[in-house]
Amino acid sequence: MGGPYSGDQPDPYPHQTFDTFDRSSGQHSNLRPPAIYKELSKFSKQIEICIRTQQSTELYQLLERGEIDIAFANLEPPMPNKLVKKFLTEQMIVISKGTLPVANHTLMDQELDMSNQLFFEWNPSFRAWYDRWIGDRNYPPIRLDAASLIETFMDRPEKWAIVPMSLARRYEQTGEFFIYHLESPPPERVCYQIQPRSPRSSAVESLRILDSCINAVMESSNN
């Protein structure tokens, strides 16, 4: 959620918060943003819900300017004046429409044809792992700048891509994709919850409501 009001402007709503997600890909399991939004919508008469979908670096700038009160982002920022905690983590795995080289239910990494990979750089830690993992093999010829393009370019069964588990499950539900685990997997993808140490007084109650919604969704996903 995001909004046009900064911390020093008049706030027309007695309880208002701005909550922002980095949506460069899907989130994990039932904790994906839609599940939280659905729970939060029950309180729409008490708070204004304004959603902004932007990249992590843009979210940090909005937080610093006081234009939003909370963000959920995929990069951990060096922000000493903010509370930063892990919101969720998820595995990075491989998807493909075809059969890939497998031994004991695990991909044989060195047998993968890199010319068929659709590469997307999820974050700096993923890129650091990838540069070590690929070794002296050639880098893939197709590099994407948006995760939404993966399905578009997955036009042959030998094509494959490394994606977060939540996105893989979404593709798997179409009945067209297979999920594979790498022999030497990337580090887990982490989503961070970031907010000011001292939130605006008018946002305190809204942040409390958001926390209750997150807890409700977490309890539901564990049952």
C-alpha atoms as a PDB file:
ATOM      1  CA  MET A   1       0.000   0.000   0.000  1.00  0.00           C
ATOM      2  CA  GLY A   2       1.304   3.441  -0.725  1.00  0.00           C
ATOM      3  CA  GLY A   3      -0.087   6.908  -0.831  1.00  0.00           C
ATOM      4  CA  PRO A   4       0.551  10.514  -1.793  1.00  0.00           C
ATOM      5  CA  TYR A   5       0.876  11.823   1.750  1.00  0.00           C
ATOM      6  CA  SER A   6       4.253  12.424   3.397  1.00  0.00           C
ATOM      7  CA  GLY A   7       4.804  12.441   7.128  1.00  0.00           C
ATOM      8  CA  ASP A   8       4.656  16.243   7.448  1.00  0.00           C
ATOM      9  CA  GLN A   9       1.444  16.767   5.441  1.00  0.00           C
ATOM     10  CA  PRO A  10      -2.066  16.840   6.921  1.00  0.00           C
ATOM     11  CA  ASP A  11      -3.438  13.320   7.182  1.00  0.00           C
ATOM     12  CA  PRO A  12      -7.128  13.209   6.156  1.00  0.00           C
ATOM     13  CA  TYR A  13      -7.641   9.765   7.715  1.00  0.00           C
ATOM     14  CA  PRO A  14      -7.387   9.173  11.479  1.00  0.00           C
ATOM     15  CA  HIS A  15      -5.807   5.760  10.906  1.00  0.00           C
ATOM     16  CA  GLN A  16      -3.788   5.500   7.739  1.00  0.00           C
ATOM     17  CA  THR A  17      -0.811   3.412   6.730  1.00  0.00           C
ATOM     18  CA  PHE A  18       1.107   2.828   3.547  1.00  0.00           C
ATOM     19  CA  ASP A  19       2.243  -0.717   2.948  1.00  0.00           C
ATOM     20  CA  THR A  20       4.347  -1.570  -0.088  1.00  0.00           C
ATOM     21  CA  PHE A  21       5.397  -4.853  -1.680  1.00  0.00           C
ATOM     22  CA  ASP A  22       8.263  -5.524  -4.044  1.00  0.00           C
ATOM     23  CA  ARG A  23       6.436  -7.650  -6.602  1.00  0.00           C
ATOM     24  CA  SER A  24       9.344  -8.678  -8.832  1.00  0.00           C
ATOM     25  CA  SER A  25       7.955 -12.164  -8.369  1.00  0.00           C
ATOM     26  CA  GLY A  26       5.345 -14.069  -6.430  1.00  0.00           C
ATOM     27  CA  GLN A  27       5.657 -14.500  -2.714  1.00  0.00           C
ATOM     28  CA  HIS A  28       5.638 -17.661  -0.655  1.00  0.00           C
ATOM     29  CA  SER A  29       2.655 -19.946  -0.153  1.00  0.00           C
ATOM     30  CA  ASN A  30      -0.376 -18.383   1.578  1.00  0.00           C
ATOM     31  CA  LEU A  31       1.720 -15.390   2.621  1.00  0.00           C
ATOM     32  CA  ARG A  32       1.620 -13.957  -0.873  1.00  0.00           C
ATOM     33  CA  PRO A  33       0.379 -10.341  -0.923  1.00  0.00           C
ATOM     34  CA  PRO A  34      -3.135 -11.217  -2.193  1.00  0.00           C
ATOM     35  CA  ALA A  35      -3.844 -13.302   0.916  1.00  0.00           C
ATOM     36  CA  ILE A  36      -2.770 -10.442   3.180  1.00  0.00           C
ATOM     37  CA  TYR A  37      -4.674  -7.871   1.113  1.00  0.00           C
ATOM     38  CA  LYS A  38      -7.828  -9.976   1.381  1.00  0.00           C
ATOM     39  CA  GLU A  39      -7.517 -10.108   5.171  1.00  0.00           C
ATOM     40  CA  LEU A  40      -6.672  -6.404   5.369  1.00  0.00           C
ATOM     41  CA  SER A  41      -9.676  -5.450   3.231  1.00  0.00           C
ATOM     42  CA  LYS A  42     -11.920  -6.418   6.157  1.00  0.00           C
ATOM     43  CA  PHE A  43     -10.700  -3.216   7.845  1.00  0.00           C
ATOM     44  CA  SER A  44     -11.232  -0.901   4.859  1.00  0.00           C
ATOM     45  CA  LYS A  45     -13.752   1.180   6.830  1.00  0.00           C
ATOM     46  CA  GLN A  46     -11.147   1.876   9.503  1.00  0.00           C
ATOM     47  CA  ILE A  47      -8.080   2.580   7.351  1.00  0.00           C
ATOM     48  CA  GLU A  48      -7.346   3.722   3.835  1.00  0.00           C
ATOM     49  CA  ILE A  49      -5.579   0.961   1.925  1.00  0.00           C
ATOM     50  CA  CYS A  50      -3.186   2.333  -0.698  1.00  0.00           C
ATOM     51  CA  ILE A  51      -0.953  -0.161  -2.519  1.00  0.00           C
ATOM     52  CA  ARG A  52       2.239   0.649  -4.391  1.00  0.00           C
ATOM     53  CA  THR A  53       4.131  -1.966  -6.400  1.00  0.00           C
ATOM     54  CA  GLN A  54       7.732  -0.916  -6.941  1.00  0.00           C
ATOM     55  CA  GLN A  55      11.278  -2.232  -6.863  1.00  0.00           C
ATOM     56  CA  SER A  56      13.165  -2.551  -3.572  1.00  0.00           C
ATOM     57  CA  THR A  57      15.414   0.477  -4.096  1.00  0.00           C
ATOM     58  CA  GLU A  58      12.387   2.663  -4.858  1.00  0.00           C
ATOM     59  CA  LEU A  59      10.645   1.447  -1.708  1.00  0.00           C
ATOM     60  CA  TYR A  60      13.604   2.458   0.439  1.00  0.00           C
ATOM     61  CA  GLN A  61      13.521   5.959  -1.012  1.00  0.00           C
ATOM     62  CA  LEU A  62       9.795   6.248  -0.273  1.00  0.00           C
ATOM     63  CA  LEU A  63      10.410   5.113   3.316  1.00  0.00           C
ATOM     64  CA  GLU A  64      13.207   7.639   3.776  1.00  0.00           C
ATOM     65  CA  ARG A  65      10.962  10.444   2.483  1.00  0.00           C
ATOM     66  CA  GLY A  66       8.131   9.393   4.792  1.00  0.00           C
ATOM     67  CA  GLU A  67       5.748   8.690   1.911  1.00  0.00           C
ATOM     68  CA  ILE A  68       5.058   5.139   3.109  1.00  0.00           C
ATOM     69  CA  ASP A  69       5.040   3.633   6.591  1.00  0.00           C
ATOM     70  CA  ILE A  70       5.996   0.035   5.828  1.00  0.00           C
ATOM     71  CA  ALA A  71       7.509  -1.929   2.970  1.00  0.00           C
ATOM     72  CA  PHE A  72       8.034  -5.568   2.077  1.00  0.00           C
ATOM     73  CA  ALA A  73      11.092  -5.903  -0.150  1.00  0.00           C
ATOM     74  CA  ASN A  74      13.502  -8.529  -1.431  1.00  0.00           C
ATOM     75  CA  LEU A  75      16.773  -6.720  -0.709  1.00  0.00           C
ATOM     76  CA  GLU A  76      18.044  -6.072   2.807  1.00  0.00           C
ATOM     77  CA  PRO A  77      18.938  -2.361   2.969  1.00  0.00           C
ATOM     78  CA  PRO A  78      21.524  -0.643   5.178  1.00  0.00           C
ATOM     79  CA  MET A  79      18.937   1.518   6.976  1.00  0.00           C
ATOM     80  CA  PRO A  80      20.004   2.036  10.621  1.00  0.00           C
ATOM     81  CA  ASN A  81      16.970   4.237  11.372  1.00  0.00           C
ATOM     82  CA  LYS A  82      14.523   1.491  10.324  1.00  0.00           C
ATOM     83  CA  LEU A  83      13.355  -1.792  11.802  1.00  0.00           C
ATOM     84  CA  VAL A  84      14.299  -4.577   9.394  1.00  0.00           C
ATOM     85  CA  LYS A  85      13.285  -8.200   9.901  1.00  0.00           C
ATOM     86  CA  LYS A  86      12.837 -11.299   7.779  1.00  0.00           C
ATOM     87  CA  PHE A  87       9.231 -11.610   6.688  1.00  0.00           C
ATOM     88  CA  LEU A  88       9.513 -14.903   4.812  1.00  0.00           C
ATOM     89  CA  THR A  89      11.980 -17.104   2.942  1.00  0.00           C
ATOM     90  CA  GLU A  90      11.546 -19.528   0.079  1.00  0.00           C
ATOM     91  CA  GLN A  91      13.601 -21.979  -1.941  1.00  0.00           C
ATOM     92  CA  MET A  92      14.835 -21.291  -5.447  1.00  0.00           C
ATOM     93  CA  ILE A  93      14.148 -24.191  -7.810  1.00  0.00           C
ATOM     94  CA  VAL A  94      13.975 -25.045 -11.514  1.00  0.00           C
ATOM     95  CA  ILE A  95      10.884 -25.161 -13.732  1.00  0.00           C
ATOM     96  CA  SER A  96      10.564 -26.604 -17.210  1.00  0.00           C
ATOM     97  CA  LYS A  97       7.887 -27.958 -19.538  1.00  0.00           C
ATOM     98  CA  GLY A  98      10.114 -30.913 -20.421  1.00  0.00           C
ATOM     99  CA  THR A  99      12.248 -33.658 -18.890  1.00  0.00           C
ATOM    100  CA  LEU A 100      15.620 -32.542 -17.514  1.00  0.00           C
ATOM    101  CA  PRO A 101      18.599 -34.739 -16.437  1.00  0.00           C
ATOM    102  CA  VAL A 102      17.787 -36.085 -12.964  1.00  0.00           C
ATOM    103  CA  ALA A 103      19.483 -38.496 -10.552  1.00  0.00           C
ATOM    104  CA  ASN A 104      17.813 -39.491  -7.253  1.00  0.00           C
ATOM    105  CA  HIS A 105      15.093 -36.853  -7.815  1.00  0.00           C
ATOM    106  CA  THR A 106      17.714 -34.094  -8.082  1.00  0.00           C
ATOM    107  CA  LEU A 107      18.965 -32.285 -11.179  1.00  0.00           C
ATOM    108  CA  MET A 108      22.470 -33.055 -12.362  1.00  0.00           C
ATOM    109  CA  ASP A 109      23.636 -29.464 -12.498  1.00  0.00           C
ATOM    110  CA  GLN A 110      26.576 -30.013 -14.842  1.00  0.00           C
ATOM    111  CA  GLU A 111      24.331 -31.811 -17.336  1.00  0.00           C
ATOM    112  CA  LEU A 112      22.007 -28.851 -17.791  1.00  0.00           C
ATOM    113  CA  ASP A 113      22.160 -27.192 -21.196  1.00  0.00           C
ATOM    114  CA  MET A 114      22.881 -23.550 -20.441  1.00  0.00           C
ATOM    115  CA  SER A 115      21.775 -22.487 -23.919  1.00  0.00           C
ATOM    116  CA  ASN A 116      18.221 -23.405 -22.899  1.00  0.00           C
ATOM    117  CA  GLN A 117      18.155 -21.422 -19.665  1.00  0.00           C
ATOM    118  CA  LEU A 118      15.996 -18.323 -19.287  1.00  0.00           C
ATOM    119  CA  PHE A 119      18.070 -16.201 -16.938  1.00  0.00           C
ATOM    120  CA  PHE A 120      16.590 -13.683 -14.511  1.00  0.00           C
ATOM    121  CA  GLU A 121      18.779 -12.016 -11.865  1.00  0.00           C
ATOM    122  CA  TRP A 122      16.598 -12.222  -8.748  1.00  0.00           C
ATOM    123  CA  ASN A 123      18.942 -10.312  -6.442  1.00  0.00           C
ATOM    124  CA  PRO A 124      22.685  -9.735  -5.829  1.00  0.00           C
ATOM    125  CA  SER A 125      23.088 -12.853  -3.650  1.00  0.00           C
ATOM    126  CA  PHE A 126      21.523 -14.965  -6.409  1.00  0.00           C
ATOM    127  CA  ARG A 127      23.891 -13.439  -8.985  1.00  0.00           C
ATOM    128  CA  ALA A 128      26.927 -14.097  -6.752  1.00  0.00           C
ATOM    129  CA  TRP A 129      25.867 -17.737  -6.363  1.00  0.00           C
ATOM    130  CA  TYR A 130      25.143 -18.060 -10.076  1.00  0.00           C
ATOM    131  CA  ASP A 131      28.562 -16.769 -11.140  1.00  0.00           C
ATOM    132  CA  ARG A 132      30.201 -19.441  -8.944  1.00  0.00           C
ATOM    133  CA  TRP A 133      27.723 -22.150  -9.965  1.00  0.00           C
ATOM    134  CA  ILE A 134      28.061 -21.722 -13.726  1.00  0.00           C
ATOM    135  CA  GLY A 135      31.856 -22.062 -13.584  1.00  0.00           C
ATOM    136  CA  ASP A 136      33.456 -22.189 -17.023  1.00  0.00           C
ATOM    137  CA  ARG A 137      30.192 -22.884 -18.856  1.00  0.00           C
ATOM    138  CA  ASN A 138      28.789 -20.312 -21.261  1.00  0.00           C
ATOM    139  CA  TYR A 139      26.231 -17.866 -19.944  1.00  0.00           C
ATOM    140  CA  PRO A 140      22.686 -18.321 -21.293  1.00  0.00           C
ATOM    141  CA  PRO A 141      21.799 -16.344 -24.439  1.00  0.00           C
ATOM    142  CA  ILE A 142      18.411 -15.198 -23.101  1.00  0.00           C
ATOM    143  CA  ARG A 143      18.458 -12.827 -20.130  1.00  0.00           C
ATOM    144  CA  LEU A 144      15.175 -11.335 -18.955  1.00  0.00           C
ATOM    145  CA  ASP A 145      14.514  -8.121 -17.031  1.00  0.00           C
ATOM    146  CA  ALA A 146      11.059  -9.148 -15.769  1.00  0.00           C
ATOM    147  CA  ALA A 147       9.980 -12.423 -14.189  1.00  0.00           C
ATOM    148  CA  SER A 148       6.651 -12.155 -16.023  1.00  0.00           C
ATOM    149  CA  LEU A 149       8.508 -12.830 -19.295  1.00  0.00           C
ATOM    150  CA  ILE A 150       9.599 -16.322 -18.239  1.00  0.00           C
ATOM    151  CA  GLU A 151       6.367 -17.976 -19.328  1.00  0.00           C
ATOM    152  CA  THR A 152       6.434 -16.100 -22.643  1.00  0.00           C
ATOM    153  CA  PHE A 153       9.895 -17.407 -23.521  1.00  0.00           C
ATOM    154  CA  MET A 154       9.238 -20.931 -22.188  1.00  0.00           C
ATOM    155  CA  ASP A 155       8.168 -21.971 -25.686  1.00  0.00           C
ATOM    156  CA  ARG A 156       9.969 -25.324 -25.958  1.00  0.00           C
ATOM    157  CA  PRO A 157      10.134 -28.294 -23.542  1.00  0.00           C
ATOM    158  CA  GLU A 158      13.925 -28.073 -23.208  1.00  0.00           C
ATOM    159  CA  LYS A 159      13.781 -24.498 -21.890  1.00  0.00           C
ATOM    160  CA  TRP A 160      14.214 -24.032 -18.129  1.00  0.00           C
ATOM    161  CA  ALA A 161      14.524 -21.306 -15.513  1.00  0.00           C
ATOM    162  CA  ILE A 162      15.423 -20.874 -11.843  1.00  0.00           C
ATOM    163  CA  VAL A 163      12.527 -19.309  -9.918  1.00  0.00           C
ATOM    164  CA  PRO A 164      11.237 -18.936  -6.331  1.00  0.00           C
ATOM    165  CA  MET A 165       9.134 -21.835  -5.058  1.00  0.00           C
ATOM    166  CA  SER A 166       5.947 -19.745  -4.953  1.00  0.00           C
ATOM    167  CA  LEU A 167       6.247 -18.861  -8.630  1.00  0.00           C
ATOM    168  CA  ALA A 168       7.082 -22.475  -9.497  1.00  0.00           C
ATOM    169  CA  ARG A 169       3.953 -23.717  -7.706  1.00  0.00           C
ATOM    170  CA  ARG A 170       1.859 -21.240  -9.660  1.00  0.00           C
ATOM    171  CA  TYR A 171       3.276 -22.537 -12.941  1.00  0.00           C
ATOM    172  CA  GLU A 172       2.868 -26.140 -11.782  1.00  0.00           C
ATOM    173  CA  GLN A 173      -0.851 -25.583 -11.210  1.00  0.00           C
ATOM    174  CA  THR A 174      -1.306 -24.951 -14.943  1.00  0.00           C
ATOM    175  CA  GLY A 175      -0.426 -28.622 -15.568  1.00  0.00           C
ATOM    176  CA  GLU A 176       2.214 -27.624 -18.134  1.00  0.00           C
ATOM    177  CA  PHE A 177       5.315 -27.358 -15.940  1.00  0.00           C
ATOM    178  CA  PHE A 178       7.559 -29.685 -13.948  1.00  0.00           C
ATOM    179  CA  ILE A 179       9.471 -28.697 -10.816  1.00  0.00           C
ATOM    180  CA  TYR A 180      13.081 -29.754 -10.221  1.00  0.00           C
ATOM    181  CA  HIS A 181      15.533 -29.288  -7.353  1.00  0.00           C
ATOM    182  CA  LEU A 182      19.139 -28.347  -8.099  1.00  0.00           C
ATOM    183  CA  GLU A 183      22.023 -30.408  -6.776  1.00  0.00           C
ATOM    184  CA  SER A 184      23.697 -27.197  -5.560  1.00  0.00           C
ATOM    185  CA  PRO A 185      20.787 -24.779  -5.007  1.00  0.00           C
ATOM    186  CA  PRO A 186      20.954 -20.983  -4.739  1.00  0.00           C
ATOM    187  CA  PRO A 187      20.504 -19.285  -1.362  1.00  0.00           C
ATOM    188  CA  GLU A 188      16.900 -18.923  -0.275  1.00  0.00           C
ATOM    189  CA  ARG A 189      15.102 -15.811  -1.418  1.00  0.00           C
ATOM    190  CA  VAL A 190      14.272 -13.532   1.507  1.00  0.00           C
ATOM    191  CA  CYS A 191      11.526 -10.939   1.795  1.00  0.00           C
ATOM    192  CA  TYR A 192      12.140  -8.263   4.458  1.00  0.00           C
ATOM    193  CA  GLN A 193       9.614  -6.231   6.418  1.00  0.00           C
ATOM    194  CA  ILE A 194      10.889  -2.678   6.890  1.00  0.00           C
ATOM    195  CA  GLN A 195       9.374   0.213   8.836  1.00  0.00           C
ATOM    196  CA  PRO A 196      10.465   3.278  10.823  1.00  0.00           C
ATOM    197  CA  ARG A 197      11.541   2.752  14.431  1.00  0.00           C
ATOM    198  CA  SER A 198       9.194   5.570  15.390  1.00  0.00           C
ATOM    199  CA  PRO A 199       6.144   5.503  13.077  1.00  0.00           C
ATOM    200  CA  ARG A 200       3.810   8.464  12.664  1.00  0.00           C
ATOM    201  CA  SER A 201       1.250   8.599  15.449  1.00  0.00           C
ATOM    202  CA  SER A 202      -1.603   8.389  12.928  1.00  0.00           C
ATOM    203  CA  ALA A 203      -0.144   5.159  11.500  1.00  0.00           C
ATOM    204  CA  VAL A 204       0.365   3.243  14.756  1.00  0.00           C
ATOM    205  CA  GLU A 205      -3.115   1.702  14.845  1.00  0.00           C
ATOM    206  CA  SER A 206      -2.998   0.862  11.141  1.00  0.00           C
ATOM    207  CA  LEU A 207       0.323  -0.920  11.560  1.00  0.00           C
ATOM    208  CA  ARG A 208      -1.155  -2.877  14.459  1.00  0.00           C
ATOM    209  CA  ILE A 209      -4.065  -3.945  12.225  1.00  0.00           C
ATOM    210  CA  LEU A 210      -1.645  -4.982   9.483  1.00  0.00           C
ATOM    211  CA  ASP A 211       0.334  -7.102  11.954  1.00  0.00           C
ATOM    212  CA  SER A 212      -2.874  -8.802  13.084  1.00  0.00           C
ATOM    213  CA  CYS A 213      -3.742  -9.563   9.455  1.00  0.00           C
ATOM    214  CA  ILE A 214      -0.304 -11.057   8.806  1.00  0.00           C
ATOM    215  CA  ASN A 215      -0.602 -13.204  11.944  1.00  0.00           C
ATOM    216  CA  ALA A 216      -4.062 -14.386  10.878  1.00  0.00           C
ATOM    217  CA  VAL A 217      -2.781 -15.428   7.448  1.00  0.00           C
ATOM    218  CA  MET A 218       0.237 -17.167   8.991  1.00  0.00           C
ATOM    219  CA  GLU A 219      -1.989 -19.123  11.384  1.00  0.00           C
ATOM    220  CA  SER A 220      -4.274 -20.107   8.527  1.00  0.00           C
ATOM    221  CA  SER A 221      -1.358 -21.348   6.410  1.00  0.00           C
ATOM    222  CA  ASN A 222      -0.073 -23.473   9.299  1.00  0.00           C
ATOM    223  CA  ASN A 223      -3.434 -25.218   9.835  1.00  0.00           C
END
